[in-house]
Amino acid sequence: MKLKGITILLAMALFVLPGCGILDSAQQTVNFTTETTAYMQSLTSFGTEMTTLAEQALTDATARTDLKQQLVDLKEQVTSYAGITVPDYATEIHQSIVQYNETLQSGIDKALTNIEQGRAAFESTGIPESVNKINELLSQVNQLTPQ
């Protein structure tokens, strides 16, 4: 009787435990997609506002301070995005985003230098292009499915 109970318990474990892996994989997908989409939306938002912010920063000290803070905050987002948990099947797209992020970080550093030197914030930074390239990957992120 005891042996039969152990056998049933082991059989149930064989059916239940592999299912946990499926749930974990699905949860990783949801987390990755949610975090990546939120990150890309914040880039889009910044991208649509940056021209106006840069123009204001040229003549308004408060706007200049605000823009610098937004750039610092954006750089922190870019840095933290590299550390998110990535499902195995999403590593390629994540790596593409991280590569664009490296260019974006350099652009942010250049923009901060431009602001300090009184020049147009986004002149020769590559930020608009990097933001656009990252956002082009959004449709690919939304189509990810576990494999």
N, C-alpha and C. Protein backbone atom coordinates (compact mmCIF):
# COMPACT_ATOMS: atom_id res chain seq x y z
N MET A 1 0.83 -1.19 0.00
CA MET A 1 0.00 0.00 0.00
C MET A 1 0.87 1.26 0.00
N LYS A 2 1.91 1.25 0.82
CA LYS A 2 2.81 2.38 0.89
C LYS A 2 3.53 2.58 -0.45
N LEU A 3 3.92 1.50 -1.08
CA LEU A 3 4.61 1.56 -2.36
C LEU A 3 3.71 2.15 -3.44
N LYS A 4 2.44 1.79 -3.40
CA LYS A 4 1.48 2.32 -4.37
C LYS A 4 1.32 3.83 -4.19
N GLY A 5 1.28 4.30 -2.95
CA GLY A 5 1.16 5.73 -2.65
C GLY A 5 2.37 6.50 -3.14
N ILE A 6 3.57 5.91 -2.95
CA ILE A 6 4.79 6.56 -3.41
C ILE A 6 4.81 6.62 -4.93
N THR A 7 4.37 5.53 -5.58
CA THR A 7 4.34 5.49 -7.04
C THR A 7 3.41 6.56 -7.59
N ILE A 8 2.24 6.69 -6.98
CA ILE A 8 1.28 7.71 -7.42
C ILE A 8 1.86 9.10 -7.21
N LEU A 9 2.51 9.30 -6.08
CA LEU A 9 3.13 10.60 -5.79
C LEU A 9 4.22 10.93 -6.81
N LEU A 10 5.05 9.95 -7.14
CA LEU A 10 6.10 10.17 -8.14
C LEU A 10 5.51 10.45 -9.52
N ALA A 11 4.46 9.71 -9.86
CA ALA A 11 3.81 9.93 -11.16
C ALA A 11 3.23 11.34 -11.24
N MET A 12 2.60 11.78 -10.16
CA MET A 12 2.04 13.14 -10.14
C MET A 12 3.16 14.18 -10.28
N ALA A 13 4.26 13.93 -9.61
CA ALA A 13 5.39 14.85 -9.68
C ALA A 13 5.92 14.95 -11.11
N LEU A 14 5.94 13.83 -11.81
CA LEU A 14 6.42 13.85 -13.19
C LEU A 14 5.52 14.67 -14.10
N PHE A 15 4.23 14.68 -13.80
CA PHE A 15 3.31 15.46 -14.62
C PHE A 15 3.26 16.93 -14.21
N VAL A 16 3.38 17.21 -12.95
CA VAL A 16 3.24 18.57 -12.44
C VAL A 16 4.52 19.38 -12.62
N LEU A 17 5.67 18.81 -12.31
CA LEU A 17 6.92 19.57 -12.35
C LEU A 17 7.27 20.09 -13.74
N PRO A 18 7.12 19.31 -14.80
CA PRO A 18 7.39 19.89 -16.12
C PRO A 18 6.45 21.05 -16.43
N GLY A 19 5.27 21.01 -15.95
CA GLY A 19 4.31 22.10 -16.15
C GLY A 19 4.77 23.38 -15.49
N CYS A 20 5.48 23.24 -14.38
CA CYS A 20 6.01 24.43 -13.70
C CYS A 20 7.00 25.16 -14.60
N GLY A 21 7.79 24.40 -15.32
CA GLY A 21 8.74 25.01 -16.26
C GLY A 21 8.03 25.81 -17.33
N ILE A 22 6.91 25.30 -17.79
CA ILE A 22 6.11 26.01 -18.79
C ILE A 22 5.58 27.30 -18.20
N LEU A 23 5.11 27.23 -16.95
CA LEU A 23 4.60 28.44 -16.30
C LEU A 23 5.71 29.45 -16.08
N ASP A 24 6.89 28.96 -15.67
CA ASP A 24 8.02 29.86 -15.48
C ASP A 24 8.40 30.53 -16.80
N SER A 25 8.42 29.77 -17.87
CA SER A 25 8.76 30.30 -19.18
C SER A 25 7.74 31.35 -19.61
N ALA A 26 6.47 31.05 -19.39
CA ALA A 26 5.42 32.01 -19.75
C ALA A 26 5.55 33.29 -18.92
N GLN A 27 5.86 33.13 -17.64
CA GLN A 27 6.03 34.30 -16.76
C GLN A 27 7.23 35.13 -17.19
N GLN A 28 8.32 34.46 -17.57
CA GLN A 28 9.50 35.19 -18.06
C GLN A 28 9.16 35.98 -19.31
N THR A 29 8.37 35.37 -20.20
CA THR A 29 7.96 36.04 -21.43
C THR A 29 7.16 37.28 -21.11
N VAL A 30 6.19 37.14 -20.21
CA VAL A 30 5.34 38.27 -19.83
C VAL A 30 6.20 39.37 -19.21
N ASN A 31 7.08 39.00 -18.29
CA ASN A 31 7.94 40.00 -17.64
C ASN A 31 8.85 40.70 -18.64
N PHE A 32 9.50 39.92 -19.50
CA PHE A 32 10.40 40.51 -20.50
C PHE A 32 9.64 41.45 -21.43
N THR A 33 8.52 40.97 -21.94
CA THR A 33 7.73 41.77 -22.87
C THR A 33 7.22 43.04 -22.19
N THR A 34 6.72 42.91 -20.97
CA THR A 34 6.20 44.07 -20.23
C THR A 34 7.31 45.08 -19.96
N GLU A 35 8.44 44.61 -19.46
CA GLU A 35 9.54 45.51 -19.14
C GLU A 35 10.11 46.17 -20.39
N THR A 36 10.24 45.39 -21.44
CA THR A 36 10.80 45.93 -22.68
C THR A 36 9.84 46.94 -23.32
N THR A 37 8.56 46.63 -23.31
CA THR A 37 7.56 47.55 -23.87
C THR A 37 7.54 48.85 -23.08
N ALA A 38 7.56 48.76 -21.76
CA ALA A 38 7.56 49.96 -20.92
C ALA A 38 8.83 50.79 -21.18
N TYR A 39 9.95 50.12 -21.31
CA TYR A 39 11.21 50.80 -21.59
C TYR A 39 11.14 51.53 -22.93
N MET A 40 10.64 50.82 -23.94
CA MET A 40 10.55 51.42 -25.27
C MET A 40 9.55 52.57 -25.31
N GLN A 41 8.48 52.47 -24.55
CA GLN A 41 7.51 53.56 -24.49
C GLN A 41 8.13 54.80 -23.83
N SER A 42 8.96 54.58 -22.82
CA SER A 42 9.62 55.75 -22.21
C SER A 42 10.60 56.39 -23.19
N LEU A 43 11.26 55.57 -24.01
CA LEU A 43 12.14 56.13 -25.05
C LEU A 43 11.34 56.91 -26.08
N THR A 44 10.20 56.37 -26.47
CA THR A 44 9.34 57.05 -27.44
C THR A 44 8.88 58.39 -26.89
N SER A 45 8.47 58.38 -25.64
CA SER A 45 8.01 59.61 -25.00
C SER A 45 9.14 60.65 -24.97
N PHE A 46 10.31 60.22 -24.57
CA PHE A 46 11.45 61.13 -24.55
C PHE A 46 11.76 61.63 -25.97
N GLY A 47 11.70 60.71 -26.93
CA GLY A 47 11.99 61.07 -28.32
C GLY A 47 11.07 62.14 -28.87
N THR A 48 9.79 62.08 -28.49
CA THR A 48 8.84 63.07 -28.99
C THR A 48 9.00 64.42 -28.30
N GLU A 49 9.53 64.42 -27.10
CA GLU A 49 9.68 65.66 -26.34
C GLU A 49 11.05 66.30 -26.48
N MET A 50 12.03 65.55 -26.97
CA MET A 50 13.41 66.02 -26.87
C MET A 50 13.71 67.27 -27.68
N THR A 51 13.12 67.44 -28.82
CA THR A 51 13.39 68.63 -29.62
C THR A 51 12.90 69.88 -28.90
N THR A 52 11.69 69.80 -28.37
CA THR A 52 11.14 70.93 -27.61
C THR A 52 11.98 71.21 -26.37
N LEU A 53 12.34 70.16 -25.66
CA LEU A 53 13.16 70.32 -24.45
C LEU A 53 14.51 70.96 -24.78
N ALA A 54 15.11 70.53 -25.88
CA ALA A 54 16.41 71.07 -26.27
C ALA A 54 16.32 72.54 -26.63
N GLU A 55 15.25 72.91 -27.35
CA GLU A 55 15.07 74.32 -27.72
C GLU A 55 14.88 75.18 -26.47
N GLN A 56 14.09 74.71 -25.53
CA GLN A 56 13.87 75.46 -24.30
C GLN A 56 15.15 75.56 -23.47
N ALA A 57 15.95 74.50 -23.49
CA ALA A 57 17.17 74.47 -22.68
C ALA A 57 18.21 75.48 -23.15
N LEU A 58 18.14 75.89 -24.42
CA LEU A 58 19.10 76.87 -24.92
C LEU A 58 18.93 78.23 -24.27
N THR A 59 17.69 78.57 -23.90
CA THR A 59 17.43 79.92 -23.40
C THR A 59 16.92 79.96 -21.96
N ASP A 60 16.58 78.83 -21.39
CA ASP A 60 15.98 78.80 -20.06
C ASP A 60 16.79 77.89 -19.14
N ALA A 61 17.35 78.48 -18.08
CA ALA A 61 18.20 77.72 -17.16
C ALA A 61 17.43 76.59 -16.47
N THR A 62 16.18 76.83 -16.13
CA THR A 62 15.36 75.79 -15.48
C THR A 62 15.12 74.63 -16.45
N ALA A 63 14.82 74.96 -17.69
CA ALA A 63 14.62 73.92 -18.71
C ALA A 63 15.91 73.14 -18.94
N ARG A 64 17.03 73.83 -18.88
CA ARG A 64 18.33 73.18 -19.06
C ARG A 64 18.58 72.18 -17.93
N THR A 65 18.29 72.60 -16.71
CA THR A 65 18.44 71.72 -15.55
C THR A 65 17.51 70.51 -15.66
N ASP A 66 16.26 70.77 -16.07
CA ASP A 66 15.28 69.68 -16.24
C ASP A 66 15.74 68.70 -17.31
N LEU A 67 16.25 69.22 -18.42
CA LEU A 67 16.71 68.35 -19.50
C LEU A 67 17.89 67.51 -19.03
N LYS A 68 18.82 68.12 -18.33
CA LYS A 68 19.96 67.36 -17.82
C LYS A 68 19.49 66.23 -16.91
N GLN A 69 18.52 66.52 -16.05
CA GLN A 69 18.01 65.49 -15.14
C GLN A 69 17.30 64.38 -15.92
N GLN A 70 16.55 64.75 -16.95
CA GLN A 70 15.89 63.74 -17.77
C GLN A 70 16.91 62.86 -18.49
N LEU A 71 17.99 63.44 -18.93
CA LEU A 71 19.04 62.66 -19.59
C LEU A 71 19.72 61.71 -18.60
N VAL A 72 19.97 62.19 -17.39
CA VAL A 72 20.56 61.32 -16.36
C VAL A 72 19.60 60.17 -16.03
N ASP A 73 18.31 60.50 -15.89
CA ASP A 73 17.30 59.47 -15.61
C ASP A 73 17.22 58.46 -16.76
N LEU A 74 17.27 58.95 -17.98
CA LEU A 74 17.23 58.08 -19.16
C LEU A 74 18.44 57.16 -19.18
N LYS A 75 19.60 57.70 -18.86
CA LYS A 75 20.81 56.89 -18.83
C LYS A 75 20.69 55.77 -17.79
N GLU A 76 20.09 56.08 -16.65
CA GLU A 76 19.87 55.06 -15.62
C GLU A 76 18.93 53.96 -16.14
N GLN A 77 17.88 54.36 -16.86
CA GLN A 77 16.96 53.38 -17.44
C GLN A 77 17.68 52.49 -18.44
N VAL A 78 18.49 53.10 -19.27
CA VAL A 78 19.24 52.36 -20.29
C VAL A 78 20.15 51.34 -19.61
N THR A 79 20.84 51.77 -18.57
CA THR A 79 21.75 50.89 -17.84
C THR A 79 21.01 49.75 -17.17
N SER A 80 19.90 50.06 -16.52
CA SER A 80 19.17 49.01 -15.80
C SER A 80 18.48 48.03 -16.75
N TYR A 81 18.12 48.47 -17.95
CA TYR A 81 17.48 47.58 -18.90
C TYR A 81 18.39 46.40 -19.26
N ALA A 82 19.67 46.63 -19.33
CA ALA A 82 20.62 45.57 -19.70
C ALA A 82 20.57 44.40 -18.72
N GLY A 83 20.13 44.66 -17.49
CA GLY A 83 20.13 43.63 -16.47
C GLY A 83 18.82 42.87 -16.29
N ILE A 84 17.84 43.09 -17.15
CA ILE A 84 16.57 42.37 -16.96
C ILE A 84 16.74 40.89 -17.31
N THR A 85 15.85 40.08 -16.76
CA THR A 85 15.86 38.65 -17.04
C THR A 85 15.32 38.42 -18.45
N VAL A 86 16.07 37.68 -19.23
CA VAL A 86 15.72 37.47 -20.63
C VAL A 86 15.49 35.98 -20.89
N PRO A 87 14.31 35.63 -21.41
CA PRO A 87 14.10 34.23 -21.79
C PRO A 87 15.08 33.85 -22.90
N ASP A 88 15.44 32.57 -22.96
CA ASP A 88 16.44 32.11 -23.93
C ASP A 88 16.11 32.51 -25.37
N TYR A 89 14.87 32.39 -25.74
CA TYR A 89 14.49 32.66 -27.13
C TYR A 89 14.46 34.15 -27.46
N ALA A 90 14.63 35.02 -26.45
CA ALA A 90 14.60 36.46 -26.68
C ALA A 90 16.00 37.08 -26.59
N THR A 91 17.02 36.27 -26.42
CA THR A 91 18.36 36.82 -26.22
C THR A 91 18.84 37.63 -27.42
N GLU A 92 18.49 37.20 -28.62
CA GLU A 92 18.96 37.91 -29.81
C GLU A 92 18.38 39.32 -29.89
N ILE A 93 17.09 39.44 -29.68
CA ILE A 93 16.48 40.78 -29.75
C ILE A 93 16.94 41.64 -28.57
N HIS A 94 17.10 41.03 -27.41
CA HIS A 94 17.60 41.77 -26.25
C HIS A 94 19.00 42.29 -26.53
N GLN A 95 19.83 41.45 -27.13
CA GLN A 95 21.20 41.86 -27.46
C GLN A 95 21.19 43.02 -28.46
N SER A 96 20.28 42.99 -29.41
CA SER A 96 20.16 44.11 -30.37
C SER A 96 19.82 45.40 -29.64
N ILE A 97 18.88 45.32 -28.71
CA ILE A 97 18.48 46.50 -27.94
C ILE A 97 19.66 47.00 -27.11
N VAL A 98 20.37 46.07 -26.48
CA VAL A 98 21.52 46.46 -25.65
C VAL A 98 22.59 47.15 -26.50
N GLN A 99 22.82 46.66 -27.72
CA GLN A 99 23.80 47.31 -28.60
C GLN A 99 23.38 48.74 -28.95
N TYR A 100 22.11 48.93 -29.26
CA TYR A 100 21.62 50.28 -29.52
C TYR A 100 21.71 51.13 -28.25
N ASN A 101 21.50 50.50 -27.11
CA ASN A 101 21.60 51.22 -25.84
C ASN A 101 23.00 51.75 -25.60
N GLU A 102 24.01 50.99 -26.02
CA GLU A 102 25.39 51.46 -25.86
C GLU A 102 25.60 52.75 -26.66
N THR A 103 25.07 52.79 -27.87
CA THR A 103 25.15 54.00 -28.69
C THR A 103 24.36 55.12 -28.03
N LEU A 104 23.21 54.78 -27.50
CA LEU A 104 22.36 55.77 -26.82
C LEU A 104 23.07 56.35 -25.61
N GLN A 105 23.75 55.51 -24.83
CA GLN A 105 24.47 56.00 -23.66
C GLN A 105 25.57 56.99 -24.07
N SER A 106 26.29 56.67 -25.11
CA SER A 106 27.33 57.59 -25.60
C SER A 106 26.70 58.91 -26.04
N GLY A 107 25.54 58.81 -26.70
CA GLY A 107 24.83 60.01 -27.13
C GLY A 107 24.37 60.86 -25.96
N ILE A 108 23.91 60.19 -24.91
CA ILE A 108 23.47 60.92 -23.71
C ILE A 108 24.65 61.65 -23.09
N ASP A 109 25.79 60.98 -23.00
CA ASP A 109 27.00 61.63 -22.47
C ASP A 109 27.36 62.86 -23.31
N LYS A 110 27.28 62.71 -24.63
CA LYS A 110 27.59 63.82 -25.54
C LYS A 110 26.57 64.95 -25.36
N ALA A 111 25.30 64.61 -25.20
CA ALA A 111 24.26 65.62 -24.99
C ALA A 111 24.50 66.40 -23.70
N LEU A 112 24.88 65.69 -22.65
CA LEU A 112 25.17 66.36 -21.37
C LEU A 112 26.36 67.31 -21.53
N THR A 113 27.36 66.90 -22.27
CA THR A 113 28.52 67.76 -22.55
C THR A 113 28.08 68.97 -23.37
N ASN A 114 27.26 68.74 -24.39
CA ASN A 114 26.75 69.85 -25.22
C ASN A 114 26.02 70.88 -24.36
N ILE A 115 25.18 70.40 -23.45
CA ILE A 115 24.42 71.32 -22.59
C ILE A 115 25.38 72.14 -21.74
N GLU A 116 26.37 71.48 -21.16
CA GLU A 116 27.34 72.18 -20.31
C GLU A 116 28.11 73.24 -21.11
N GLN A 117 28.31 72.99 -22.40
CA GLN A 117 29.07 73.91 -23.23
C GLN A 117 28.18 74.92 -23.94
N GLY A 118 26.88 74.90 -23.64
CA GLY A 118 25.95 75.87 -24.21
C GLY A 118 25.57 75.60 -25.66
N ARG A 119 25.83 74.41 -26.15
CA ARG A 119 25.48 74.07 -27.53
C ARG A 119 24.11 73.38 -27.56
N ALA A 120 23.61 73.17 -28.77
CA ALA A 120 22.35 72.44 -28.95
C ALA A 120 22.53 71.05 -28.35
N ALA A 121 21.62 70.66 -27.48
CA ALA A 121 21.77 69.45 -26.69
C ALA A 121 22.01 68.20 -27.52
N PHE A 122 21.26 68.03 -28.60
CA PHE A 122 21.30 66.77 -29.31
C PHE A 122 22.11 66.81 -30.60
N GLU A 123 22.87 67.89 -30.77
CA GLU A 123 23.72 68.03 -31.95
C GLU A 123 24.79 66.93 -31.98
N SER A 124 24.83 66.19 -33.04
CA SER A 124 25.83 65.13 -33.26
C SER A 124 25.87 64.07 -32.16
N THR A 125 24.71 63.74 -31.59
CA THR A 125 24.69 62.74 -30.52
C THR A 125 24.23 61.37 -30.99
N GLY A 126 23.45 61.33 -32.06
CA GLY A 126 22.90 60.06 -32.52
C GLY A 126 21.72 59.58 -31.71
N ILE A 127 21.27 60.39 -30.74
CA ILE A 127 20.15 59.96 -29.87
C ILE A 127 18.87 59.73 -30.67
N PRO A 128 18.45 60.65 -31.53
CA PRO A 128 17.20 60.39 -32.26
C PRO A 128 17.24 59.09 -33.06
N GLU A 129 18.37 58.84 -33.71
CA GLU A 129 18.49 57.63 -34.51
C GLU A 129 18.45 56.37 -33.64
N SER A 130 19.15 56.43 -32.50
CA SER A 130 19.17 55.27 -31.60
C SER A 130 17.79 54.98 -31.04
N VAL A 131 17.07 56.02 -30.63
CA VAL A 131 15.72 55.85 -30.11
C VAL A 131 14.83 55.23 -31.19
N ASN A 132 14.93 55.73 -32.41
CA ASN A 132 14.13 55.18 -33.50
C ASN A 132 14.46 53.72 -33.77
N LYS A 133 15.73 53.36 -33.78
CA LYS A 133 16.15 51.98 -34.04
C LYS A 133 15.62 51.05 -32.95
N ILE A 134 15.72 51.47 -31.70
CA ILE A 134 15.22 50.65 -30.60
C ILE A 134 13.72 50.47 -30.73
N ASN A 135 13.01 51.53 -31.04
CA ASN A 135 11.56 51.44 -31.14
C ASN A 135 11.10 50.61 -32.34
N GLU A 136 11.92 50.52 -33.37
CA GLU A 136 11.59 49.66 -34.51
C GLU A 136 11.53 48.19 -34.08
N LEU A 137 12.21 47.85 -33.00
CA LEU A 137 12.23 46.46 -32.53
C LEU A 137 10.99 46.10 -31.70
N LEU A 138 10.16 47.10 -31.38
CA LEU A 138 8.99 46.84 -30.53
C LEU A 138 8.06 45.80 -31.12
N SER A 139 7.81 45.84 -32.41
CA SER A 139 6.92 44.84 -33.01
C SER A 139 7.50 43.45 -32.87
N GLN A 140 8.81 43.32 -32.97
CA GLN A 140 9.45 42.01 -32.79
C GLN A 140 9.29 41.52 -31.35
N VAL A 141 9.41 42.42 -30.40
CA VAL A 141 9.23 42.05 -28.99
C VAL A 141 7.81 41.56 -28.76
N ASN A 142 6.85 42.24 -29.32
CA ASN A 142 5.45 41.86 -29.12
C ASN A 142 5.09 40.53 -29.78
N GLN A 143 5.92 40.06 -30.71
CA GLN A 143 5.65 38.80 -31.40
C GLN A 143 6.39 37.62 -30.77
N LEU A 144 7.16 37.87 -29.70
CA LEU A 144 7.92 36.79 -29.07
C LEU A 144 7.00 35.76 -28.46
N THR A 145 7.36 34.50 -28.66
CA THR A 145 6.66 33.39 -28.02
C THR A 145 7.69 32.36 -27.60
N PRO A 146 7.42 31.67 -26.50
CA PRO A 146 8.38 30.64 -26.05
C PRO A 146 8.55 29.56 -27.13
N GLN A 147 9.77 29.06 -27.22
CA GLN A 147 10.05 28.00 -28.19
C GLN A 147 10.55 26.77 -27.49
